Amino acid sequence: VQLQASGGGLVQAGDSLRLSCVASGLSFSTYTAGWFRQAPGREREFVAAIKWSGSSTTYADSGKGRFTISRNNPKKTMYLQMSRVKPEDTAVYFCAIDGEIWEKANKQQPQSYDYWGQGTLVTVSS
């Protein structure tokens, strides 16, 4: 199983950015997918998660109203659209797959996820 995240970069506060994560080696369409982030010196934290069908999503308070998670199952790709970014959004962003069904998955806990991408760095300048 491989998850390849991309789309990070240096942006200014208020800009938009879209992260992508392509999965291979698993039946992507059956799993809960999520995004996490980790800033220097801080623990990895939950950003957003999406049900296998795309019909349900959940967000951390930090991204509500600004971030949108989505997925394209035929392309085995998940996305995180980031809008009105802030300097505090600066972090390495990781995509992850949870093998548990949506209703049972502990979506906000990193320990619940089985597969992880390598991360993509987002730096927001003020």
N, C-alpha and C. Protein backbone atom coordinates (compact mmCIF):
# COMPACT_ATOMS: atom_id res chain seq x y z
N VAL A 1 0.85 -1.19 0.00
CA VAL A 1 0.00 0.00 0.00
C VAL A 1 0.88 1.24 0.00
N GLN A 2 0.54 2.16 -0.88
CA GLN A 2 1.27 3.43 -0.91
C GLN A 2 0.30 4.58 -1.01
N LEU A 3 0.60 5.63 -0.26
CA LEU A 3 -0.15 6.87 -0.35
C LEU A 3 0.86 7.96 -0.70
N GLN A 4 0.59 8.68 -1.78
CA GLN A 4 1.52 9.70 -2.24
C GLN A 4 0.84 11.05 -2.18
N ALA A 5 1.27 11.87 -1.22
CA ALA A 5 0.69 13.20 -1.05
C ALA A 5 1.49 14.23 -1.83
N SER A 6 0.79 15.24 -2.31
CA SER A 6 1.44 16.32 -3.05
C SER A 6 0.61 17.58 -2.95
N GLY A 7 1.17 18.67 -3.43
CA GLY A 7 0.43 19.92 -3.49
C GLY A 7 0.85 20.97 -2.47
N GLY A 8 1.74 20.60 -1.57
CA GLY A 8 2.20 21.57 -0.58
C GLY A 8 3.09 22.61 -1.21
N GLY A 9 3.38 23.64 -0.44
CA GLY A 9 4.26 24.70 -0.93
C GLY A 9 4.21 25.90 -0.03
N LEU A 10 4.82 26.97 -0.50
CA LEU A 10 4.84 28.23 0.24
C LEU A 10 3.76 29.15 -0.32
N VAL A 11 2.86 29.56 0.55
CA VAL A 11 1.77 30.46 0.15
C VAL A 11 1.67 31.59 1.16
N GLN A 12 0.92 32.60 0.77
CA GLN A 12 0.70 33.72 1.67
C GLN A 12 -0.62 33.56 2.41
N ALA A 13 -0.70 34.16 3.56
CA ALA A 13 -1.94 34.14 4.32
C ALA A 13 -3.08 34.64 3.45
N GLY A 14 -4.21 33.92 3.51
CA GLY A 14 -5.37 34.29 2.71
C GLY A 14 -5.47 33.56 1.39
N ASP A 15 -4.39 32.90 0.98
CA ASP A 15 -4.39 32.17 -0.28
C ASP A 15 -5.13 30.84 -0.16
N SER A 16 -5.26 30.17 -1.29
CA SER A 16 -5.85 28.84 -1.33
C SER A 16 -4.82 27.84 -1.84
N LEU A 17 -5.05 26.58 -1.46
CA LEU A 17 -4.11 25.52 -1.82
C LEU A 17 -4.89 24.22 -1.84
N ARG A 18 -4.56 23.33 -2.79
CA ARG A 18 -5.21 22.02 -2.81
C ARG A 18 -4.17 20.93 -2.70
N LEU A 19 -4.34 20.11 -1.69
CA LEU A 19 -3.49 18.95 -1.51
C LEU A 19 -4.16 17.73 -2.13
N SER A 20 -3.35 16.84 -2.67
CA SER A 20 -3.84 15.61 -3.26
C SER A 20 -3.11 14.43 -2.65
N CYS A 21 -3.76 13.29 -2.68
CA CYS A 21 -3.14 12.07 -2.19
C CYS A 21 -3.63 10.91 -3.04
N VAL A 22 -2.72 10.26 -3.71
CA VAL A 22 -3.05 9.14 -4.58
C VAL A 22 -2.71 7.83 -3.88
N ALA A 23 -3.66 6.92 -3.86
CA ALA A 23 -3.48 5.64 -3.20
C ALA A 23 -3.24 4.54 -4.21
N SER A 24 -2.48 3.55 -3.81
CA SER A 24 -2.26 2.37 -4.64
C SER A 24 -2.09 1.17 -3.73
N GLY A 25 -2.44 0.01 -4.26
CA GLY A 25 -2.24 -1.22 -3.51
C GLY A 25 -3.36 -1.59 -2.56
N LEU A 26 -4.48 -0.87 -2.63
CA LEU A 26 -5.62 -1.23 -1.80
C LEU A 26 -6.90 -0.81 -2.51
N SER A 27 -8.00 -1.37 -1.99
CA SER A 27 -9.31 -1.03 -2.55
C SER A 27 -9.76 0.29 -1.95
N PHE A 28 -9.28 1.38 -2.52
CA PHE A 28 -9.44 2.72 -1.95
C PHE A 28 -10.88 3.06 -1.65
N SER A 29 -11.78 2.63 -2.49
CA SER A 29 -13.17 3.07 -2.38
C SER A 29 -13.90 2.51 -1.18
N THR A 30 -13.29 1.59 -0.44
CA THR A 30 -13.99 0.99 0.69
C THR A 30 -13.58 1.56 2.03
N TYR A 31 -12.60 2.47 2.04
CA TYR A 31 -12.02 2.91 3.30
C TYR A 31 -12.32 4.36 3.66
N THR A 32 -12.35 4.61 4.97
CA THR A 32 -12.35 5.98 5.48
C THR A 32 -10.98 6.60 5.19
N ALA A 33 -10.99 7.85 4.77
CA ALA A 33 -9.75 8.55 4.46
C ALA A 33 -9.67 9.83 5.27
N GLY A 34 -8.47 10.21 5.64
CA GLY A 34 -8.32 11.39 6.47
C GLY A 34 -7.06 12.17 6.17
N TRP A 35 -7.06 13.41 6.64
CA TRP A 35 -5.89 14.28 6.58
C TRP A 35 -5.51 14.67 8.01
N PHE A 36 -4.23 14.64 8.27
CA PHE A 36 -3.68 15.10 9.54
C PHE A 36 -2.56 16.10 9.23
N ARG A 37 -2.14 16.80 10.25
CA ARG A 37 -1.01 17.70 10.07
C ARG A 37 -0.15 17.70 11.32
N GLN A 38 1.11 18.05 11.12
CA GLN A 38 2.04 18.12 12.25
C GLN A 38 2.95 19.31 12.07
N ALA A 39 2.86 20.23 13.00
CA ALA A 39 3.73 21.39 13.00
C ALA A 39 4.98 21.08 13.82
N PRO A 40 6.07 21.79 13.60
CA PRO A 40 7.30 21.53 14.35
C PRO A 40 7.07 21.60 15.85
N GLY A 41 7.52 20.58 16.56
CA GLY A 41 7.41 20.56 18.00
C GLY A 41 6.03 20.23 18.53
N ARG A 42 5.13 19.86 17.65
CA ARG A 42 3.76 19.57 18.08
C ARG A 42 3.37 18.16 17.67
N GLU A 43 2.34 17.65 18.30
CA GLU A 43 1.85 16.34 17.96
C GLU A 43 1.04 16.39 16.66
N ARG A 44 0.95 15.23 16.04
CA ARG A 44 0.13 15.14 14.84
C ARG A 44 -1.33 15.35 15.23
N GLU A 45 -2.02 16.18 14.44
CA GLU A 45 -3.41 16.49 14.78
C GLU A 45 -4.34 16.25 13.59
N PHE A 46 -5.54 15.93 13.93
CA PHE A 46 -6.57 15.64 12.94
C PHE A 46 -6.98 16.92 12.21
N VAL A 47 -7.21 16.78 10.91
CA VAL A 47 -7.69 17.90 10.10
C VAL A 47 -9.09 17.61 9.56
N ALA A 48 -9.25 16.48 8.89
CA ALA A 48 -10.53 16.16 8.27
C ALA A 48 -10.57 14.69 7.90
N ALA A 49 -11.78 14.14 7.78
CA ALA A 49 -11.96 12.76 7.34
C ALA A 49 -13.20 12.67 6.47
N ILE A 50 -13.21 11.64 5.62
CA ILE A 50 -14.31 11.45 4.68
C ILE A 50 -14.65 9.99 4.58
N LYS A 51 -15.92 9.69 4.53
CA LYS A 51 -16.43 8.34 4.39
C LYS A 51 -16.08 7.77 3.02
N TRP A 52 -16.06 6.44 2.91
CA TRP A 52 -15.67 5.80 1.67
C TRP A 52 -16.49 6.32 0.48
N SER A 53 -17.75 6.62 0.73
CA SER A 53 -18.64 7.04 -0.36
C SER A 53 -18.54 8.54 -0.64
N GLY A 54 -17.92 9.26 0.27
CA GLY A 54 -17.88 10.72 0.15
C GLY A 54 -19.12 11.40 0.70
N SER A 55 -20.06 10.62 1.21
CA SER A 55 -21.34 11.18 1.65
C SER A 55 -21.28 11.80 3.04
N SER A 56 -20.23 11.53 3.78
CA SER A 56 -20.08 12.11 5.11
C SER A 56 -18.66 12.60 5.30
N THR A 57 -18.55 13.73 5.99
CA THR A 57 -17.25 14.30 6.30
C THR A 57 -17.25 14.83 7.73
N THR A 58 -16.08 15.01 8.27
CA THR A 58 -15.95 15.63 9.58
C THR A 58 -14.66 16.43 9.60
N TYR A 59 -14.66 17.52 10.35
CA TYR A 59 -13.53 18.44 10.36
C TYR A 59 -13.14 18.82 11.78
N ALA A 60 -11.86 19.09 11.94
CA ALA A 60 -11.42 19.73 13.17
C ALA A 60 -11.91 21.17 13.16
N ASP A 61 -12.10 21.73 14.34
CA ASP A 61 -12.60 23.11 14.43
C ASP A 61 -11.68 24.09 13.70
N SER A 62 -10.39 23.78 13.69
CA SER A 62 -9.42 24.70 13.10
C SER A 62 -9.64 24.90 11.60
N GLY A 63 -10.26 23.91 10.95
CA GLY A 63 -10.43 24.00 9.51
C GLY A 63 -11.87 24.18 9.04
N LYS A 64 -12.80 24.14 9.96
CA LYS A 64 -14.21 24.26 9.57
C LYS A 64 -14.47 25.58 8.87
N GLY A 65 -15.15 25.47 7.73
CA GLY A 65 -15.46 26.66 6.97
C GLY A 65 -14.35 27.11 6.04
N ARG A 66 -13.16 26.55 6.20
CA ARG A 66 -12.03 26.93 5.35
C ARG A 66 -11.49 25.76 4.53
N PHE A 67 -11.55 24.56 5.09
CA PHE A 67 -11.02 23.38 4.42
C PHE A 67 -12.16 22.50 3.93
N THR A 68 -11.93 21.83 2.81
CA THR A 68 -12.90 20.89 2.28
C THR A 68 -12.19 19.62 1.87
N ILE A 69 -12.62 18.49 2.43
CA ILE A 69 -12.07 17.21 2.05
C ILE A 69 -12.98 16.57 1.01
N SER A 70 -12.39 15.91 0.04
CA SER A 70 -13.17 15.23 -0.99
C SER A 70 -12.36 14.04 -1.50
N ARG A 71 -13.01 13.23 -2.31
CA ARG A 71 -12.32 12.07 -2.87
C ARG A 71 -12.89 11.72 -4.22
N ASN A 72 -12.08 11.10 -5.03
CA ASN A 72 -12.48 10.59 -6.33
C ASN A 72 -12.08 9.12 -6.34
N ASN A 73 -13.02 8.25 -6.06
CA ASN A 73 -12.69 6.84 -5.91
C ASN A 73 -12.15 6.19 -7.18
N PRO A 74 -12.74 6.45 -8.35
CA PRO A 74 -12.15 5.84 -9.55
C PRO A 74 -10.68 6.22 -9.76
N LYS A 75 -10.31 7.42 -9.33
CA LYS A 75 -8.92 7.86 -9.46
C LYS A 75 -8.08 7.52 -8.23
N LYS A 76 -8.72 6.92 -7.23
CA LYS A 76 -8.04 6.55 -5.99
C LYS A 76 -7.30 7.75 -5.40
N THR A 77 -7.98 8.86 -5.39
CA THR A 77 -7.36 10.11 -4.96
C THR A 77 -8.26 10.82 -3.96
N MET A 78 -7.64 11.39 -2.94
CA MET A 78 -8.34 12.22 -1.99
C MET A 78 -7.72 13.61 -2.04
N TYR A 79 -8.50 14.60 -1.63
CA TYR A 79 -8.07 15.99 -1.73
C TYR A 79 -8.36 16.74 -0.43
N LEU A 80 -7.59 17.76 -0.22
CA LEU A 80 -7.89 18.72 0.84
C LEU A 80 -7.76 20.11 0.23
N GLN A 81 -8.90 20.74 0.02
CA GLN A 81 -8.92 22.11 -0.48
C GLN A 81 -8.81 23.05 0.72
N MET A 82 -7.76 23.85 0.72
CA MET A 82 -7.52 24.76 1.82
C MET A 82 -7.74 26.19 1.32
N SER A 83 -8.59 26.91 2.01
CA SER A 83 -8.89 28.30 1.63
C SER A 83 -8.59 29.22 2.80
N ARG A 84 -8.33 30.46 2.48
CA ARG A 84 -8.07 31.49 3.52
C ARG A 84 -7.08 30.97 4.54
N VAL A 85 -5.97 30.46 4.04
CA VAL A 85 -4.99 29.85 4.94
C VAL A 85 -4.39 30.89 5.87
N LYS A 86 -3.94 30.39 7.01
CA LYS A 86 -3.36 31.24 8.05
C LYS A 86 -1.95 30.74 8.37
N PRO A 87 -1.12 31.59 8.95
CA PRO A 87 0.23 31.13 9.33
C PRO A 87 0.18 29.91 10.25
N GLU A 88 -0.83 29.81 11.07
CA GLU A 88 -0.94 28.67 11.98
C GLU A 88 -1.31 27.38 11.26
N ASP A 89 -1.60 27.44 9.99
CA ASP A 89 -1.83 26.23 9.19
C ASP A 89 -0.51 25.62 8.72
N THR A 90 0.59 26.29 8.96
CA THR A 90 1.89 25.77 8.56
C THR A 90 2.18 24.45 9.26
N ALA A 91 2.44 23.43 8.45
CA ALA A 91 2.67 22.09 8.98
C ALA A 91 2.98 21.14 7.83
N VAL A 92 3.41 19.96 8.19
CA VAL A 92 3.46 18.86 7.23
C VAL A 92 2.10 18.18 7.27
N TYR A 93 1.50 18.03 6.11
CA TYR A 93 0.17 17.44 6.00
C TYR A 93 0.30 16.00 5.51
N PHE A 94 -0.39 15.11 6.23
CA PHE A 94 -0.34 13.68 5.93
C PHE A 94 -1.73 13.18 5.55
N CYS A 95 -1.77 12.34 4.53
CA CYS A 95 -3.01 11.64 4.22
C CYS A 95 -2.93 10.25 4.84
N ALA A 96 -4.09 9.69 5.14
CA ALA A 96 -4.12 8.41 5.82
C ALA A 96 -5.40 7.65 5.49
N ILE A 97 -5.32 6.35 5.62
CA ILE A 97 -6.45 5.47 5.37
C ILE A 97 -6.75 4.66 6.62
N ASP A 98 -8.02 4.61 6.96
CA ASP A 98 -8.47 3.85 8.12
C ASP A 98 -9.24 2.63 7.62
N GLY A 99 -8.83 1.44 8.03
CA GLY A 99 -9.49 0.24 7.57
C GLY A 99 -10.83 -0.03 8.20
N GLU A 100 -11.17 0.74 9.22
CA GLU A 100 -12.45 0.55 9.90
C GLU A 100 -13.56 1.25 9.13
N ILE A 101 -14.77 0.72 9.25
CA ILE A 101 -15.89 1.38 8.58
C ILE A 101 -16.15 2.72 9.26
N TRP A 102 -16.76 3.62 8.53
CA TRP A 102 -16.97 5.00 8.97
C TRP A 102 -17.65 5.06 10.34
N GLU A 103 -18.69 4.26 10.51
CA GLU A 103 -19.50 4.33 11.72
C GLU A 103 -18.74 3.89 12.96
N LYS A 104 -17.69 3.10 12.76
CA LYS A 104 -16.93 2.59 13.91
C LYS A 104 -15.55 3.23 14.05
N ALA A 105 -15.13 3.93 13.02
CA ALA A 105 -13.78 4.47 13.02
C ALA A 105 -13.64 5.61 14.03
N ASN A 106 -12.53 5.63 14.72
CA ASN A 106 -12.20 6.74 15.62
C ASN A 106 -11.43 7.77 14.79
N LYS A 107 -12.17 8.55 14.06
CA LYS A 107 -11.64 9.30 12.92
C LYS A 107 -10.61 10.35 13.30
N GLN A 108 -10.68 10.85 14.50
CA GLN A 108 -9.80 11.95 14.88
C GLN A 108 -8.50 11.47 15.54
N GLN A 109 -8.37 10.17 15.70
CA GLN A 109 -7.20 9.63 16.36
C GLN A 109 -6.23 9.03 15.35
N PRO A 110 -4.99 9.50 15.32
CA PRO A 110 -4.02 8.94 14.37
C PRO A 110 -3.86 7.43 14.50
N GLN A 111 -3.99 6.95 15.74
CA GLN A 111 -3.79 5.52 15.97
C GLN A 111 -4.82 4.65 15.25
N SER A 112 -5.93 5.25 14.86
CA SER A 112 -6.97 4.49 14.19
C SER A 112 -6.64 4.19 12.74
N TYR A 113 -5.69 4.92 12.18
CA TYR A 113 -5.39 4.82 10.75
C TYR A 113 -4.30 3.79 10.49
N ASP A 114 -4.48 3.06 9.40
CA ASP A 114 -3.60 1.94 9.11
C ASP A 114 -2.49 2.27 8.12
N TYR A 115 -2.75 3.20 7.24
CA TYR A 115 -1.77 3.53 6.19
C TYR A 115 -1.59 5.03 6.13
N TRP A 116 -0.35 5.44 5.89
CA TRP A 116 0.00 6.86 5.89
C TRP A 116 0.84 7.22 4.67
N GLY A 117 0.60 8.42 4.18
CA GLY A 117 1.47 8.97 3.16
C GLY A 117 2.70 9.60 3.79
N GLN A 118 3.59 10.10 2.95
CA GLN A 118 4.87 10.61 3.43
C GLN A 118 4.79 12.07 3.91
N GLY A 119 3.71 12.72 3.60
CA GLY A 119 3.56 14.11 4.03
C GLY A 119 3.96 15.11 2.98
N THR A 120 3.30 16.24 2.99
CA THR A 120 3.64 17.35 2.11
C THR A 120 3.63 18.63 2.94
N LEU A 121 4.66 19.45 2.78
CA LEU A 121 4.84 20.62 3.63
C LEU A 121 4.06 21.80 3.11
N VAL A 122 3.29 22.40 3.98
CA VAL A 122 2.59 23.63 3.69
C VAL A 122 3.15 24.72 4.59
N THR A 123 3.62 25.78 3.98
CA THR A 123 4.16 26.91 4.73
C THR A 123 3.36 28.15 4.36
N VAL A 124 2.79 28.78 5.37
CA VAL A 124 1.98 29.97 5.14
C VAL A 124 2.70 31.17 5.74
N SER A 125 3.03 32.10 4.89
CA SER A 125 3.71 33.30 5.35
C SER A 125 2.71 34.41 5.62
N SER A 126 3.07 35.25 6.56
CA SER A 126 2.19 36.36 6.89
C SER A 126 2.58 37.62 6.13
